[in-house]
Amino acid sequence: MLDTNILVSALLHPDGPPGHVLAAVQAGDLVPVFSPAMLAEYESVLRRPRLRLDAAKVAAALHQFHAIGTLVRTTAPPPAGLPDGSDWPFIACALAAGCPVVTGNARHYPPRLGVRVMTAREWIDQQRP
C-alpha cells in the first residue's frame, strides 16, 4: 500500500527510491492496494497546481492503479490519538489487506496499530535476493 507522499515523490523524482517503487507498479511487480478514500486523496493531491506534476504522468499513474490494483473497502472508524487523522484510510486499507504501508512519513503510522511501515528504500532492499 503506497502512501500519497510516495506517489508525489515518485512523479517528482523518478530516479529516487519512490520512483523505483512506482516503476515496480508499472512493471507489474507490485500490485497496489487502495480504498476509494485513498484514490480520492491520490487524485486530489497529485492534481494540485503547486506541485506542477505532468498531467499525463499523473493520469497514467492513476489509470494504472485502477487497472491493476486491488480495491479494498474498509468501514472501521479511526482510533483516537492518530498523529494525522487523514492517514486513517491508508492504515485501515493496510490492515484489511494485510500488507505494509510504504511511506516517506513513518511517524504518522503508530506501531500500536499493528501496521508494518516501510520506507521506499526498505521496500526496494526487501525485493533484492
Protein backbone atom coordinates (compact mmCIF):
# COMPACT_ATOMS: atom_id res chain seq x y z
CA MET A 1 0.00 0.00 0.00
CA LEU A 2 1.53 3.28 -1.09
CA ASP A 3 1.11 6.48 0.86
CA THR A 4 0.38 9.57 -1.21
CA ASN A 5 3.80 11.06 -0.46
CA ILE A 6 5.42 8.11 -2.26
CA LEU A 7 3.45 8.87 -5.42
CA VAL A 8 4.25 12.57 -5.25
CA SER A 9 7.95 11.87 -4.73
CA ALA A 10 7.96 9.25 -7.50
CA LEU A 11 6.50 11.67 -10.02
CA LEU A 12 8.81 14.50 -8.94
CA HIS A 13 11.96 12.34 -8.74
CA PRO A 14 11.54 9.19 -10.84
CA ASP A 15 15.15 8.11 -10.28
CA GLY A 16 14.84 8.07 -6.48
CA PRO A 17 13.57 5.20 -4.31
CA PRO A 18 9.89 6.24 -4.58
CA GLY A 19 10.33 6.34 -8.37
CA HIS A 20 11.64 2.78 -8.30
CA VAL A 21 8.60 1.70 -6.27
CA LEU A 22 6.26 3.29 -8.82
CA ALA A 23 8.26 1.63 -11.61
CA ALA A 24 7.62 -1.71 -9.89
CA VAL A 25 3.89 -0.97 -10.03
CA GLN A 26 4.14 -0.04 -13.71
CA ALA A 27 6.09 -3.25 -14.45
CA GLY A 28 3.50 -5.38 -12.64
CA ASP A 29 5.95 -6.39 -9.91
CA LEU A 30 3.95 -4.62 -7.20
CA VAL A 31 0.17 -4.68 -7.13
CA PRO A 32 -1.17 -1.53 -5.50
CA VAL A 33 -3.85 -1.87 -2.85
CA PHE A 34 -6.18 1.05 -2.29
CA SER A 35 -9.57 2.12 -0.97
CA PRO A 36 -11.98 4.61 -2.55
CA ALA A 37 -10.89 7.23 0.02
CA MET A 38 -7.24 6.68 -0.89
CA LEU A 39 -7.94 7.08 -4.60
CA ALA A 40 -9.75 10.33 -3.89
CA GLU A 41 -6.73 11.61 -1.94
CA TYR A 42 -4.30 10.48 -4.64
CA GLU A 43 -6.27 12.36 -7.28
CA SER A 44 -6.73 15.47 -5.15
CA VAL A 45 -3.08 15.74 -4.13
CA LEU A 46 -1.49 14.74 -7.44
CA ARG A 47 -3.56 17.31 -9.33
CA ARG A 48 -2.59 20.26 -7.08
CA PRO A 49 -1.25 23.03 -9.33
CA ARG A 50 1.53 23.97 -6.89
CA LEU A 51 3.14 20.54 -7.35
CA ARG A 52 3.48 21.15 -11.11
CA LEU A 53 3.26 17.46 -11.89
CA ASP A 54 2.96 16.42 -15.52
CA ALA A 55 -0.78 15.87 -16.06
CA ALA A 56 -0.19 12.97 -18.47
CA LYS A 57 2.07 11.18 -15.97
CA VAL A 58 -0.47 11.71 -13.18
CA ALA A 59 -3.27 10.36 -15.38
CA ALA A 60 -1.16 7.35 -16.39
CA ALA A 61 -0.27 6.51 -12.78
CA LEU A 62 -3.88 6.81 -11.62
CA HIS A 63 -5.11 4.76 -14.58
CA GLN A 64 -2.58 2.04 -13.79
CA PHE A 65 -3.73 1.91 -10.17
CA HIS A 66 -7.32 1.47 -11.32
CA ALA A 67 -6.38 -1.13 -13.94
CA ILE A 68 -4.11 -3.46 -11.98
CA GLY A 69 -4.69 -2.57 -8.35
CA THR A 70 -6.81 -4.22 -5.73
CA LEU A 71 -9.72 -2.23 -4.34
CA VAL A 72 -10.25 -2.75 -0.60
CA ARG A 73 -13.38 -1.48 1.11
CA THR A 74 -12.95 -0.51 4.74
CA THR A 75 -15.51 0.60 7.28
CA ALA A 76 -13.65 0.66 10.59
CA PRO A 77 -13.76 4.02 12.38
CA PRO A 78 -10.42 5.66 13.17
CA PRO A 79 -9.00 5.18 16.66
CA ALA A 80 -8.38 8.20 18.87
CA GLY A 81 -4.94 9.74 19.01
CA LEU A 82 -3.70 9.37 15.44
CA PRO A 83 -0.95 11.89 14.63
CA ASP A 84 -2.77 12.69 11.37
CA GLY A 85 -6.38 11.53 11.12
CA SER A 86 -6.29 11.80 7.32
CA ASP A 87 -3.95 8.80 7.32
CA TRP A 88 -6.67 6.50 8.67
CA PRO A 89 -7.90 5.34 5.22
CA PHE A 90 -4.34 4.18 4.49
CA ILE A 91 -3.98 2.40 7.83
CA ALA A 92 -7.40 0.76 7.51
CA CYS A 93 -6.59 -0.40 3.98
CA ALA A 94 -3.23 -1.87 5.00
CA LEU A 95 -4.85 -3.67 7.94
CA ALA A 96 -7.67 -5.05 5.77
CA ALA A 97 -5.28 -6.17 3.02
CA GLY A 98 -2.59 -7.47 5.38
CA CYS A 99 0.12 -5.50 3.62
CA PRO A 100 2.72 -2.95 4.68
CA VAL A 101 2.45 0.80 4.24
CA VAL A 102 5.23 2.23 2.08
CA THR A 103 5.67 5.85 3.11
CA GLY A 104 8.12 8.66 3.50
CA ASN A 105 6.44 9.73 6.73
CA ALA A 106 6.54 6.80 9.16
CA ARG A 107 5.72 8.93 12.20
CA HIS A 108 2.10 9.14 11.02
CA TYR A 109 1.73 5.38 11.46
CA PRO A 110 1.95 4.47 15.16
CA PRO A 111 3.28 0.95 15.86
CA ARG A 112 0.39 0.28 18.25
CA LEU A 113 -1.96 -0.04 15.28
CA GLY A 114 -0.26 -3.21 14.04
CA VAL A 115 0.63 -1.96 10.56
CA ARG A 116 4.06 -2.71 9.15
CA VAL A 117 5.59 0.55 7.92
CA MET A 118 8.45 0.75 5.41
CA THR A 119 10.26 3.44 3.51
CA ALA A 120 10.63 3.16 -0.25
CA ARG A 121 14.30 2.24 0.25
CA GLU A 122 13.35 -0.54 2.70
CA TRP A 123 10.82 -1.93 0.21
CA ILE A 124 13.43 -1.93 -2.56
CA ASP A 125 16.02 -3.60 -0.32
CA GLN A 126 13.48 -6.27 0.64
CA GLN A 127 13.00 -7.16 -3.05
CA ARG A 128 16.66 -7.97 -3.58
CA PRO A 129 17.69 -11.64 -3.22
